[in-house]
PDB file of N, CA and C in Angstrom:
ATOM      1  N   MET A   1       0.834  -1.178   0.000  1.00  0.00           N
ATOM      2  CA  MET A   1       0.000   0.000   0.000  1.00  0.00           C
ATOM      3  C   MET A   1       0.880   1.243   0.000  1.00  0.00           C
ATOM      4  N   LEU A   2       0.410   2.285  -0.634  1.00  0.00           N
ATOM      5  CA  LEU A   2       1.080   3.560  -0.599  1.00  0.00           C
ATOM      6  C   LEU A   2       0.035   4.664  -0.544  1.00  0.00           C
ATOM      7  N   LYS A   3       0.431   5.849  -0.224  1.00  0.00           N
ATOM      8  CA  LYS A   3      -0.511   6.952  -0.131  1.00  0.00           C
ATOM      9  C   LYS A   3      -1.078   7.224  -1.514  1.00  0.00           C
ATOM     10  N   SER A   4      -2.396   7.321  -1.595  1.00  0.00           N
ATOM     11  CA  SER A   4      -3.068   7.563  -2.869  1.00  0.00           C
ATOM     12  C   SER A   4      -2.813   8.974  -3.373  1.00  0.00           C
ATOM     13  N   GLN A   5      -2.796   9.115  -4.670  1.00  0.00           N
ATOM     14  CA  GLN A   5      -2.650  10.425  -5.302  1.00  0.00           C
ATOM     15  C   GLN A   5      -4.004  11.099  -5.523  1.00  0.00           C
ATOM     16  N   ILE A   6      -5.093  10.352  -5.299  1.00  0.00           N
ATOM     17  CA  ILE A   6      -6.439  10.889  -5.500  1.00  0.00           C
ATOM     18  C   ILE A   6      -6.925  11.527  -4.211  1.00  0.00           C
ATOM     19  N   LYS A   7      -7.403  12.769  -4.291  1.00  0.00           N
ATOM     20  CA  LYS A   7      -7.880  13.494  -3.120  1.00  0.00           C
ATOM     21  C   LYS A   7      -9.060  12.749  -2.488  1.00  0.00           C
ATOM     22  N   GLY A   8      -9.035  12.619  -1.168  1.00  0.00           N
ATOM     23  CA  GLY A   8     -10.113  11.965  -0.453  1.00  0.00           C
ATOM     24  C   GLY A   8      -9.871  10.493  -0.182  1.00  0.00           C
ATOM     25  N   TYR A   9      -8.865   9.916  -0.815  1.00  0.00           N
ATOM     26  CA  TYR A   9      -8.534   8.517  -0.591  1.00  0.00           C
ATOM     27  C   TYR A   9      -7.230   8.439   0.191  1.00  0.00           C
ATOM     28  N   ALA A  10      -7.114   7.423   1.003  1.00  0.00           N
ATOM     29  CA  ALA A  10      -5.953   7.333   1.874  1.00  0.00           C
ATOM     30  C   ALA A  10      -4.843   6.443   1.312  1.00  0.00           C
ATOM     31  N   PHE A  11      -5.207   5.330   0.700  1.00  0.00           N
ATOM     32  CA  PHE A  11      -4.202   4.359   0.270  1.00  0.00           C
ATOM     33  C   PHE A  11      -4.519   3.842  -1.124  1.00  0.00           C
ATOM     34  N   GLN A  12      -3.488   3.315  -1.756  1.00  0.00           N
ATOM     35  CA  GLN A  12      -3.639   2.725  -3.078  1.00  0.00           C
ATOM     36  C   GLN A  12      -2.901   1.392  -3.092  1.00  0.00           C
ATOM     37  N   CYS A  13      -3.534   0.357  -3.656  1.00  0.00           N
ATOM     38  CA  CYS A  13      -2.954  -0.974  -3.721  1.00  0.00           C
ATOM     39  C   CYS A  13      -1.845  -1.011  -4.774  1.00  0.00           C
ATOM     40  N   PHE A  14      -0.721  -1.648  -4.449  1.00  0.00           N
ATOM     41  CA  PHE A  14       0.388  -1.786  -5.395  1.00  0.00           C
ATOM     42  C   PHE A  14       0.000  -2.609  -6.613  1.00  0.00           C
ATOM     43  N   SER A  15      -0.747  -3.690  -6.379  1.00  0.00           N
ATOM     44  CA  SER A  15      -0.974  -4.640  -7.468  1.00  0.00           C
ATOM     45  C   SER A  15      -2.072  -4.230  -8.437  1.00  0.00           C
ATOM     46  N   CYS A  16      -3.103  -3.547  -7.948  1.00  0.00           N
ATOM     47  CA  CYS A  16      -4.213  -3.257  -8.864  1.00  0.00           C
ATOM     48  C   CYS A  16      -4.523  -1.775  -8.977  1.00  0.00           C
ATOM     49  N   ASP A  17      -3.815  -0.934  -8.254  1.00  0.00           N
ATOM     50  CA  ASP A  17      -4.038   0.512  -8.254  1.00  0.00           C
ATOM     51  C   ASP A  17      -5.414   0.923  -7.724  1.00  0.00           C
ATOM     52  N   GLU A  18      -6.109   0.005  -7.035  1.00  0.00           N
ATOM     53  CA  GLU A  18      -7.395   0.307  -6.413  1.00  0.00           C
ATOM     54  C   GLU A  18      -7.167   1.283  -5.268  1.00  0.00           C
ATOM     55  N   ASP A  19      -8.037   2.293  -5.158  1.00  0.00           N
ATOM     56  CA  ASP A  19      -7.936   3.261  -4.081  1.00  0.00           C
ATOM     57  C   ASP A  19      -8.893   2.889  -2.956  1.00  0.00           C
ATOM     58  N   PHE A  20      -8.467   3.114  -1.727  1.00  0.00           N
ATOM     59  CA  PHE A  20      -9.246   2.781  -0.547  1.00  0.00           C
ATOM     60  C   PHE A  20      -9.352   3.996   0.354  1.00  0.00           C
ATOM     61  N   CYS A  21     -10.539   4.204   0.923  1.00  0.00           N
ATOM     62  CA  CYS A  21     -10.710   5.273   1.910  1.00  0.00           C
ATOM     63  C   CYS A  21     -10.078   4.860   3.223  1.00  0.00           C
ATOM     64  N   LYS A  22     -10.207   3.583   3.566  1.00  0.00           N
ATOM     65  CA  LYS A  22      -9.688   3.083   4.835  1.00  0.00           C
ATOM     66  C   LYS A  22      -9.573   1.573   4.728  1.00  0.00           C
ATOM     67  N   PHE A  23      -8.935   0.997   5.692  1.00  0.00           N
ATOM     68  CA  PHE A  23      -8.930  -0.446   5.789  1.00  0.00           C
ATOM     69  C   PHE A  23      -8.916  -0.794   7.261  1.00  0.00           C
ATOM     70  N   GLU A  24      -9.292  -2.030   7.573  1.00  0.00           N
ATOM     71  CA  GLU A  24      -9.429  -2.449   8.959  1.00  0.00           C
ATOM     72  C   GLU A  24      -8.532  -3.636   9.266  1.00  0.00           C
ATOM     73  N   VAL A  25      -8.028  -3.666  10.473  1.00  0.00           N
ATOM     74  CA  VAL A  25      -7.363  -4.841  11.003  1.00  0.00           C
ATOM     75  C   VAL A  25      -8.242  -5.294  12.157  1.00  0.00           C
ATOM     76  N   LEU A  26      -8.818  -6.491  12.048  1.00  0.00           N
ATOM     77  CA  LEU A  26      -9.783  -6.960  13.030  1.00  0.00           C
ATOM     78  C   LEU A  26      -9.182  -8.024  13.940  1.00  0.00           C
ATOM     79  N   ARG A  27      -9.558  -7.941  15.195  1.00  0.00           N
ATOM     80  CA  ARG A  27      -9.210  -8.980  16.149  1.00  0.00           C
ATOM     81  C   ARG A  27     -10.523  -9.594  16.625  1.00  0.00           C
ATOM     82  N   LYS A  28     -10.503 -10.870  16.983  1.00  0.00           N
ATOM     83  CA  LYS A  28     -11.724 -11.541  17.403  1.00  0.00           C
ATOM     84  C   LYS A  28     -12.424 -10.804  18.533  1.00  0.00           C
ATOM     85  N   LYS A  29     -11.657 -10.294  19.484  1.00  0.00           N
ATOM     86  CA  LYS A  29     -12.275  -9.637  20.625  1.00  0.00           C
ATOM     87  C   LYS A  29     -12.956  -8.318  20.235  1.00  0.00           C
ATOM     88  N   ASP A  30     -12.622  -7.769  19.067  1.00  0.00           N
ATOM     89  CA  ASP A  30     -13.231  -6.520  18.611  1.00  0.00           C
ATOM     90  C   ASP A  30     -14.451  -6.733  17.711  1.00  0.00           C
ATOM     91  N   MET A  31     -14.746  -7.967  17.344  1.00  0.00           N
ATOM     92  CA  MET A  31     -15.770  -8.232  16.341  1.00  0.00           C
ATOM     93  C   MET A  31     -17.153  -7.720  16.728  1.00  0.00           C
ATOM     94  N   GLU A  32     -17.598  -7.906  17.978  1.00  0.00           N
ATOM     95  CA  GLU A  32     -18.931  -7.446  18.373  1.00  0.00           C
ATOM     96  C   GLU A  32     -19.023  -5.924  18.274  1.00  0.00           C
ATOM     97  N   PHE A  33     -17.971  -5.242  18.700  1.00  0.00           N
ATOM     98  CA  PHE A  33     -17.928  -3.794  18.593  1.00  0.00           C
ATOM     99  C   PHE A  33     -17.981  -3.357  17.126  1.00  0.00           C
ATOM    100  N   ILE A  34     -17.222  -4.020  16.275  1.00  0.00           N
ATOM    101  CA  ILE A  34     -17.195  -3.708  14.844  1.00  0.00           C
ATOM    102  C   ILE A  34     -18.570  -3.941  14.226  1.00  0.00           C
ATOM    103  N   ARG A  35     -19.237  -5.047  14.594  1.00  0.00           N
ATOM    104  CA  ARG A  35     -20.588  -5.317  14.074  1.00  0.00           C
ATOM    105  C   ARG A  35     -21.547  -4.187  14.452  1.00  0.00           C
ATOM    106  N   THR A  36     -21.450  -3.717  15.682  1.00  0.00           N
ATOM    107  CA  THR A  36     -22.311  -2.623  16.136  1.00  0.00           C
ATOM    108  C   THR A  36     -22.051  -1.360  15.331  1.00  0.00           C
ATOM    109  N   ILE A  37     -20.791  -1.048  15.114  1.00  0.00           N
ATOM    110  CA  ILE A  37     -20.438   0.134  14.319  1.00  0.00           C
ATOM    111  C   ILE A  37     -20.954  -0.018  12.891  1.00  0.00           C
ATOM    112  N   ARG A  38     -20.748  -1.182  12.301  1.00  0.00           N
ATOM    113  CA  ARG A  38     -21.205  -1.405  10.921  1.00  0.00           C
ATOM    114  C   ARG A  38     -22.718  -1.301  10.819  1.00  0.00           C
ATOM    115  N   LYS A  39     -23.437  -1.880  11.788  1.00  0.00           N
ATOM    116  CA  LYS A  39     -24.904  -1.824  11.772  1.00  0.00           C
ATOM    117  C   LYS A  39     -25.375  -0.376  11.868  1.00  0.00           C
ATOM    118  N   THR A  40     -24.765   0.391  12.757  1.00  0.00           N
ATOM    119  CA  THR A  40     -25.118   1.803  12.897  1.00  0.00           C
ATOM    120  C   THR A  40     -24.835   2.557  11.602  1.00  0.00           C
ATOM    121  N   THR A  41     -23.705   2.267  10.994  1.00  0.00           N
ATOM    122  CA  THR A  41     -23.330   2.911   9.739  1.00  0.00           C
ATOM    123  C   THR A  41     -24.321   2.564   8.632  1.00  0.00           C
ATOM    124  N   ILE A  42     -24.687   1.302   8.522  1.00  0.00           N
ATOM    125  CA  ILE A  42     -25.639   0.874   7.490  1.00  0.00           C
ATOM    126  C   ILE A  42     -26.980   1.553   7.691  1.00  0.00           C
ATOM    127  N   LEU A  43     -27.465   1.604   8.933  1.00  0.00           N
ATOM    128  CA  LEU A  43     -28.737   2.268   9.208  1.00  0.00           C
ATOM    129  C   LEU A  43     -28.670   3.749   8.841  1.00  0.00           C
ATOM    130  N   HIS A  44     -27.557   4.394   9.170  1.00  0.00           N
ATOM    131  CA  HIS A  44     -27.381   5.801   8.824  1.00  0.00           C
ATOM    132  C   HIS A  44     -27.365   5.983   7.301  1.00  0.00           C
ATOM    133  N   GLU A  45     -26.625   5.135   6.602  1.00  0.00           N
ATOM    134  CA  GLU A  45     -26.551   5.239   5.147  1.00  0.00           C
ATOM    135  C   GLU A  45     -27.911   5.005   4.506  1.00  0.00           C
ATOM    136  N   ARG A  46     -28.667   4.045   5.041  1.00  0.00           N
ATOM    137  CA  ARG A  46     -30.023   3.816   4.507  1.00  0.00           C
ATOM    138  C   ARG A  46     -30.895   5.036   4.721  1.00  0.00           C
ATOM    139  N   GLN A  47     -30.789   5.665   5.894  1.00  0.00           N
ATOM    140  CA  GLN A  47     -31.571   6.863   6.162  1.00  0.00           C
ATOM    141  C   GLN A  47     -31.190   7.970   5.189  1.00  0.00           C
ATOM    142  N   GLN A  48     -29.887   8.134   4.944  1.00  0.00           N
ATOM    143  CA  GLN A  48     -29.434   9.137   3.987  1.00  0.00           C
ATOM    144  C   GLN A  48     -29.936   8.803   2.589  1.00  0.00           C
ATOM    145  N   ASP A  49     -29.920   7.510   2.240  1.00  0.00           N
ATOM    146  CA  ASP A  49     -30.410   7.067   0.947  1.00  0.00           C
ATOM    147  C   ASP A  49     -31.901   7.358   0.829  1.00  0.00           C
ATOM    148  N   MET A  50     -32.649   7.141   1.910  1.00  0.00           N
ATOM    149  CA  MET A  50     -34.088   7.425   1.907  1.00  0.00           C
ATOM    150  C   MET A  50     -34.319   8.906   1.659  1.00  0.00           C
ATOM    151  N   ASN A  51     -33.497   9.763   2.254  1.00  0.00           N
ATOM    152  CA  ASN A  51     -33.672  11.199   2.102  1.00  0.00           C
ATOM    153  C   ASN A  51     -33.512  11.639   0.650  1.00  0.00           C
ATOM    154  N   LYS A  52     -32.681  10.926  -0.121  1.00  0.00           N
ATOM    155  CA  LYS A  52     -32.500  11.266  -1.531  1.00  0.00           C
ATOM    156  C   LYS A  52     -33.804  11.149  -2.297  1.00  0.00           C
ATOM    157  N   TYR A  53     -34.707  10.314  -1.823  1.00  0.00           N
ATOM    158  CA  TYR A  53     -35.942  10.036  -2.543  1.00  0.00           C
ATOM    159  C   TYR A  53     -37.167  10.634  -1.860  1.00  0.00           C
ATOM    160  N   ASP A  54     -36.965  11.629  -0.989  1.00  0.00           N
ATOM    161  CA  ASP A  54     -38.102  12.231  -0.302  1.00  0.00           C
ATOM    162  C   ASP A  54     -39.045  12.945  -1.259  1.00  0.00           C
ATOM    163  N   ASN A  55     -38.504  13.630  -2.255  1.00  0.00           N
ATOM    164  CA  ASN A  55     -39.328  14.394  -3.191  1.00  0.00           C
ATOM    165  C   ASN A  55     -38.936  14.103  -4.635  1.00  0.00           C
ATOM    166  N   PRO A  56     -39.074  12.857  -5.066  1.00  0.00           N
ATOM    167  CA  PRO A  56     -38.669  12.543  -6.440  1.00  0.00           C
ATOM    168  C   PRO A  56     -39.655  13.109  -7.464  1.00  0.00           C
ATOM    169  N   GLU A  57     -39.148  13.387  -8.625  1.00  0.00           N
ATOM    170  CA  GLU A  57     -39.990  13.800  -9.744  1.00  0.00           C
ATOM    171  C   GLU A  57     -40.787  12.590 -10.227  1.00  0.00           C
ATOM    172  N   ILE A  58     -41.857  12.838 -10.950  1.00  0.00           N
ATOM    173  CA  ILE A  58     -42.726  11.743 -11.415  1.00  0.00           C
ATOM    174  C   ILE A  58     -41.965  10.769 -12.315  1.00  0.00           C
ATOM    175  N   GLU A  59     -41.022  11.272 -13.107  1.00  0.00           N
ATOM    176  CA  GLU A  59     -40.253  10.369 -13.973  1.00  0.00           C
ATOM    177  C   GLU A  59     -39.408   9.405 -13.150  1.00  0.00           C
ATOM    178  N   GLN A  60     -38.812   9.889 -12.057  1.00  0.00           N
ATOM    179  CA  GLN A  60     -38.048   9.018 -11.163  1.00  0.00           C
ATOM    180  C   GLN A  60     -38.975   8.003 -10.517  1.00  0.00           C
ATOM    181  N   LEU A  61     -40.162   8.437 -10.109  1.00  0.00           N
ATOM    182  CA  LEU A  61     -41.133   7.507  -9.517  1.00  0.00           C
ATOM    183  C   LEU A  61     -41.529   6.421 -10.515  1.00  0.00           C
ATOM    184  N   ARG A  62     -41.742   6.810 -11.768  1.00  0.00           N
ATOM    185  CA  ARG A  62     -42.107   5.823 -12.799  1.00  0.00           C
ATOM    186  C   ARG A  62     -41.000   4.794 -12.987  1.00  0.00           C
ATOM    187  N   LYS A  63     -39.766   5.273 -13.030  1.00  0.00           N
ATOM    188  CA  LYS A  63     -38.620   4.367 -13.179  1.00  0.00           C
ATOM    189  C   LYS A  63     -38.547   3.405 -11.994  1.00  0.00           C
ATOM    190  N   MET A  64     -38.663   3.949 -10.784  1.00  0.00           N
ATOM    191  CA  MET A  64     -38.594   3.111  -9.587  1.00  0.00           C
ATOM    192  C   MET A  64     -39.752   2.112  -9.553  1.00  0.00           C
ATOM    193  N   TRP A  65     -40.954   2.556  -9.937  1.00  0.00           N
ATOM    194  CA  TRP A  65     -42.123   1.672  -9.925  1.00  0.00           C
ATOM    195  C   TRP A  65     -41.935   0.521 -10.906  1.00  0.00           C
ATOM    196  N   GLU A  66     -41.392   0.831 -12.073  1.00  0.00           N
ATOM    197  CA  GLU A  66     -41.124  -0.212 -13.071  1.00  0.00           C
ATOM    198  C   GLU A  66     -40.109  -1.217 -12.520  1.00  0.00           C
ATOM    199  N   GLU A  67     -39.069  -0.737 -11.876  1.00  0.00           N
ATOM    200  CA  GLU A  67     -38.074  -1.623 -11.278  1.00  0.00           C
ATOM    201  C   GLU A  67     -38.678  -2.448 -10.142  1.00  0.00           C
ATOM    202  N   PHE A  68     -39.583  -1.853  -9.403  1.00  0.00           N
ATOM    203  CA  PHE A  68     -40.237  -2.561  -8.299  1.00  0.00           C
ATOM    204  C   PHE A  68     -41.004  -3.787  -8.819  1.00  0.00           C
ATOM    205  N   GLY A  69     -41.506  -3.698 -10.046  1.00  0.00           N
ATOM    206  CA  GLY A  69     -42.217  -4.823 -10.653  1.00  0.00           C
ATOM    207  C   GLY A  69     -41.348  -6.056 -10.838  1.00  0.00           C
ATOM    208  N   ASP A  70     -40.035  -5.883 -10.817  1.00  0.00           N
ATOM    209  CA  ASP A  70     -39.117  -7.009 -10.984  1.00  0.00           C
ATOM    210  C   ASP A  70     -38.647  -7.602  -9.653  1.00  0.00           C
ATOM    211  N   ILE A  71     -39.059  -7.010  -8.546  1.00  0.00           N
ATOM    212  CA  ILE A  71     -38.634  -7.484  -7.227  1.00  0.00           C
ATOM    213  C   ILE A  71     -39.540  -8.629  -6.791  1.00  0.00           C
ATOM    214  N   PRO A  72     -38.970  -9.791  -6.445  1.00  0.00           N
ATOM    215  CA  PRO A  72     -39.800 -10.913  -5.997  1.00  0.00           C
ATOM    216  C   PRO A  72     -40.438 -10.615  -4.641  1.00  0.00           C
ATOM    217  N   ILE A  73     -41.675 -11.089  -4.486  1.00  0.00           N
ATOM    218  CA  ILE A  73     -42.459 -10.917  -3.258  1.00  0.00           C
ATOM    219  C   ILE A  73     -42.756 -12.298  -2.688  1.00  0.00           C
ATOM    220  N   ASP A  74     -42.574 -12.468  -1.379  1.00  0.00           N
ATOM    221  CA  ASP A  74     -42.836 -13.773  -0.767  1.00  0.00           C
ATOM    222  C   ASP A  74     -44.317 -13.926  -0.392  1.00  0.00           C
ATOM    223  N   ASN A  75     -44.678 -15.049   0.195  1.00  0.00           N
ATOM    224  CA  ASN A  75     -46.076 -15.338   0.554  1.00  0.00           C
ATOM    225  C   ASN A  75     -46.621 -14.419   1.638  1.00  0.00           C
ATOM    226  N   ASP A  76     -45.726 -13.754   2.367  1.00  0.00           N
ATOM    227  CA  ASP A  76     -46.143 -12.814   3.411  1.00  0.00           C
ATOM    228  C   ASP A  76     -46.226 -11.384   2.880  1.00  0.00           C
ATOM    229  N   GLU A  77     -46.135 -11.226   1.551  1.00  0.00           N
ATOM    230  CA  GLU A  77     -46.200  -9.918   0.893  1.00  0.00           C
ATOM    231  C   GLU A  77     -45.000  -9.035   1.210  1.00  0.00           C
ATOM    232  N   CYS A  78     -43.833  -9.662   1.433  1.00  0.00           N
ATOM    233  CA  CYS A  78     -42.600  -8.925   1.722  1.00  0.00           C
ATOM    234  C   CYS A  78     -41.615  -9.102   0.565  1.00  0.00           C
ATOM    235  N   ILE A  79     -40.814  -8.065   0.317  1.00  0.00           N
ATOM    236  CA  ILE A  79     -39.842  -8.167  -0.770  1.00  0.00           C
ATOM    237  C   ILE A  79     -38.732  -9.139  -0.378  1.00  0.00           C
ATOM    238  N   GLU A  80     -38.247  -9.867  -1.376  1.00  0.00           N
ATOM    239  CA  GLU A  80     -37.230 -10.892  -1.132  1.00  0.00           C
ATOM    240  C   GLU A  80     -35.813 -10.413  -1.416  1.00  0.00           C
ATOM    241  N   SER A  81     -35.644  -9.157  -1.771  1.00  0.00           N
ATOM    242  CA  SER A  81     -34.316  -8.585  -1.954  1.00  0.00           C
ATOM    243  C   SER A  81     -34.400  -7.095  -1.651  1.00  0.00           C
ATOM    244  N   ASP A  82     -33.253  -6.493  -1.359  1.00  0.00           N
ATOM    245  CA  ASP A  82     -33.221  -5.063  -1.105  1.00  0.00           C
ATOM    246  C   ASP A  82     -33.702  -4.322  -2.347  1.00  0.00           C
ATOM    247  N   PHE A  83     -34.393  -3.215  -2.122  1.00  0.00           N
ATOM    248  CA  PHE A  83     -34.878  -2.366  -3.218  1.00  0.00           C
ATOM    249  C   PHE A  83     -34.701  -0.916  -2.793  1.00  0.00           C
ATOM    250  N   TYR A  84     -33.814  -0.212  -3.462  1.00  0.00           N
ATOM    251  CA  TYR A  84     -33.434   1.145  -3.079  1.00  0.00           C
ATOM    252  C   TYR A  84     -33.139   1.174  -1.587  1.00  0.00           C
ATOM    253  N   HIS A  85     -33.878   1.962  -0.812  1.00  0.00           N
ATOM    254  CA  HIS A  85     -33.577   2.068   0.616  1.00  0.00           C
ATOM    255  C   HIS A  85     -34.373   1.091   1.475  1.00  0.00           C
ATOM    256  N   TRP A  86     -35.184   0.226   0.862  1.00  0.00           N
ATOM    257  CA  TRP A  86     -35.953  -0.756   1.619  1.00  0.00           C
ATOM    258  C   TRP A  86     -35.175  -2.069   1.713  1.00  0.00           C
ATOM    259  N   PRO A  87     -34.964  -2.569   2.910  1.00  0.00           N
ATOM    260  CA  PRO A  87     -34.246  -3.838   3.039  1.00  0.00           C
ATOM    261  C   PRO A  87     -35.150  -5.024   2.724  1.00  0.00           C
ATOM    262  N   LYS A  88     -34.527  -6.126   2.386  1.00  0.00           N
ATOM    263  CA  LYS A  88     -35.233  -7.390   2.186  1.00  0.00           C
ATOM    264  C   LYS A  88     -36.145  -7.619   3.393  1.00  0.00           C
ATOM    265  N   GLY A  89     -37.381  -8.062   3.129  1.00  0.00           N
ATOM    266  CA  GLY A  89     -38.321  -8.318   4.212  1.00  0.00           C
ATOM    267  C   GLY A  89     -39.313  -7.195   4.445  1.00  0.00           C
ATOM    268  N   THR A  90     -39.148  -6.074   3.727  1.00  0.00           N
ATOM    269  CA  THR A  90     -40.087  -4.955   3.870  1.00  0.00           C
ATOM    270  C   THR A  90     -41.414  -5.334   3.240  1.00  0.00           C
ATOM    271  N   ASP A  91     -42.505  -4.998   3.912  1.00  0.00           N
ATOM    272  CA  ASP A  91     -43.847  -5.274   3.412  1.00  0.00           C
ATOM    273  C   ASP A  91     -44.111  -4.482   2.133  1.00  0.00           C
ATOM    274  N   ARG A  92     -44.671  -5.156   1.152  1.00  0.00           N
ATOM    275  CA  ARG A  92     -44.971  -4.542  -0.145  1.00  0.00           C
ATOM    276  C   ARG A  92     -45.843  -3.304   0.012  1.00  0.00           C
ATOM    277  N   TYR A  93     -46.790  -3.364   0.938  1.00  0.00           N
ATOM    278  CA  TYR A  93     -47.730  -2.264   1.090  1.00  0.00           C
ATOM    279  C   TYR A  93     -47.080  -1.033   1.718  1.00  0.00           C
ATOM    280  N   GLU A  94     -46.034  -1.224   2.501  1.00  0.00           N
ATOM    281  CA  GLU A  94     -45.261  -0.088   3.017  1.00  0.00           C
ATOM    282  C   GLU A  94     -44.636   0.673   1.845  1.00  0.00           C
ATOM    283  N   ILE A  95     -44.127  -0.078   0.875  1.00  0.00           N
ATOM    284  CA  ILE A  95     -43.517   0.534  -0.302  1.00  0.00           C
ATOM    285  C   ILE A  95     -44.584   1.209  -1.155  1.00  0.00           C
ATOM    286  N   TRP A  96     -45.721   0.549  -1.310  1.00  0.00           N
ATOM    287  CA  TRP A  96     -46.825   1.145  -2.064  1.00  0.00           C
ATOM    288  C   TRP A  96     -47.240   2.475  -1.446  1.00  0.00           C
ATOM    289  N   HIS A  97     -47.347   2.524  -0.120  1.00  0.00           N
ATOM    290  CA  HIS A  97     -47.733   3.766   0.558  1.00  0.00           C
ATOM    291  C   HIS A  97     -46.705   4.860   0.309  1.00  0.00           C
ATOM    292  N   TRP A  98     -45.412   4.486   0.310  1.00  0.00           N
ATOM    293  CA  TRP A  98     -44.363   5.460   0.036  1.00  0.00           C
ATOM    294  C   TRP A  98     -44.577   6.077  -1.348  1.00  0.00           C
ATOM    295  N   PHE A  99     -44.828   5.236  -2.348  1.00  0.00           N
ATOM    296  CA  PHE A  99     -45.090   5.739  -3.698  1.00  0.00           C
ATOM    297  C   PHE A  99     -46.341   6.613  -3.715  1.00  0.00           C
ATOM    298  N   ASP A 100     -47.398   6.155  -3.091  1.00  0.00           N
ATOM    299  CA  ASP A 100     -48.662   6.880  -3.089  1.00  0.00           C
ATOM    300  C   ASP A 100     -48.508   8.276  -2.487  1.00  0.00           C
ATOM    301  N   GLU A 101     -47.731   8.387  -1.414  1.00  0.00           N
ATOM    302  CA  GLU A 101     -47.518   9.680  -0.754  1.00  0.00           C
ATOM    303  C   GLU A 101     -46.746  10.652  -1.637  1.00  0.00           C
ATOM    304  N   ARG A 102     -45.987  10.152  -2.606  1.00  0.00           N
ATOM    305  CA  ARG A 102     -45.139  11.010  -3.423  1.00  0.00           C
ATOM    306  C   ARG A 102     -45.691  11.261  -4.820  1.00  0.00           C
ATOM    307  N   CYS A 103     -46.731  10.545  -5.206  1.00  0.00           N
ATOM    308  CA  CYS A 103     -47.336  10.763  -6.516  1.00  0.00           C
ATOM    309  C   CYS A 103     -48.145  12.059  -6.508  1.00  0.00           C
ATOM    310  N   PRO A 104     -48.115  12.799  -7.616  1.00  0.00           N
ATOM    311  CA  PRO A 104     -48.889  14.042  -7.678  1.00  0.00           C
ATOM    312  C   PRO A 104     -50.384  13.816  -7.438  1.00  0.00           C
ATOM    313  N   ASN A 105     -50.936  12.748  -7.999  1.00  0.00           N
ATOM    314  CA  ASN A 105     -52.353  12.441  -7.797  1.00  0.00           C
ATOM    315  C   ASN A 105     -52.479  11.315  -6.781  1.00  0.00           C
ATOM    316  N   ASN A 106     -52.138  10.116  -7.210  1.00  0.00           N
ATOM    317  CA  ASN A 106     -52.119   8.946  -6.328  1.00  0.00           C
ATOM    318  C   ASN A 106     -51.456   7.800  -7.076  1.00  0.00           C
ATOM    319  N   LEU A 107     -51.109   6.761  -6.352  1.00  0.00           N
ATOM    320  CA  LEU A 107     -50.417   5.608  -6.930  1.00  0.00           C
ATOM    321  C   LEU A 107     -51.224   4.994  -8.065  1.00  0.00           C
ATOM    322  N   HIS A 108     -52.511   4.803  -7.848  1.00  0.00           N
ATOM    323  CA  HIS A 108     -53.374   4.168  -8.842  1.00  0.00           C
ATOM    324  C   HIS A 108     -53.335   4.924 -10.169  1.00  0.00           C
ATOM    325  N   ASP A 109     -53.590   6.245 -10.115  1.00  0.00           N
ATOM    326  CA  ASP A 109     -53.703   7.030 -11.345  1.00  0.00           C
ATOM    327  C   ASP A 109     -52.352   7.341 -11.990  1.00  0.00           C
ATOM    328  N   ASP A 110     -51.337   7.582 -11.175  1.00  0.00           N
ATOM    329  CA  ASP A 110     -50.056   8.022 -11.728  1.00  0.00           C
ATOM    330  C   ASP A 110     -49.141   6.886 -12.166  1.00  0.00           C
ATOM    331  N   LEU A 111     -49.177   5.756 -11.465  1.00  0.00           N
ATOM    332  CA  LEU A 111     -48.215   4.688 -11.761  1.00  0.00           C
ATOM    333  C   LEU A 111     -48.859   3.364 -12.142  1.00  0.00           C
ATOM    334  N   MET A 112     -49.920   2.983 -11.463  1.00  0.00           N
ATOM    335  CA  MET A 112     -50.495   1.668 -11.739  1.00  0.00           C
ATOM    336  C   MET A 112     -51.294   1.655 -13.046  1.00  0.00           C
ATOM    337  N   PHE A 113     -52.119   2.664 -13.233  1.00  0.00           N
ATOM    338  CA  PHE A 113     -52.982   2.727 -14.416  1.00  0.00           C
ATOM    339  C   PHE A 113     -53.001   4.153 -14.996  1.00  0.00           C
ATOM    340  N   PRO A 114     -51.848   4.639 -15.435  1.00  0.00           N
ATOM    341  CA  PRO A 114     -51.817   6.006 -15.978  1.00  0.00           C
ATOM    342  C   PRO A 114     -52.557   6.096 -17.311  1.00  0.00           C
ATOM    343  N   GLU A 115     -53.197   7.229 -17.514  1.00  0.00           N
ATOM    344  CA  GLU A 115     -53.848   7.454 -18.806  1.00  0.00           C
ATOM    345  C   GLU A 115     -52.770   7.793 -19.818  1.00  0.00           C
ATOM    346  N   GLU A 116     -52.864   7.190 -20.960  1.00  0.00           N
ATOM    347  CA  GLU A 116     -51.838   7.444 -21.989  1.00  0.00           C
ATOM    348  C   GLU A 116     -52.434   8.108 -23.172  1.00  0.00           C
TER     349      GLU A 116
END
């Protein structure tokens, strides 16, 4: 490793020139603490990701709705994979409500059955 020449990155790999912001050296006794930090970080990042979509334009909503159609749903009406800021296991209707709250008219008229 050597100091990266790219601003904002700390190190660069000798073999592949990949840049890294940071790297970790883990010890078994630190693992629970690291898991807690990672979980907190993931939750924070998801919240930040959710904020990006607080006021999407209708075209962004249409794109997201179309992509949502490809997400598998289990027998309990929960998504089987992560979708944007929703983690696997989120109820389909929670996502529908999110879309409905952001549509200019409503989910039914704007995305499910738009007049063409």
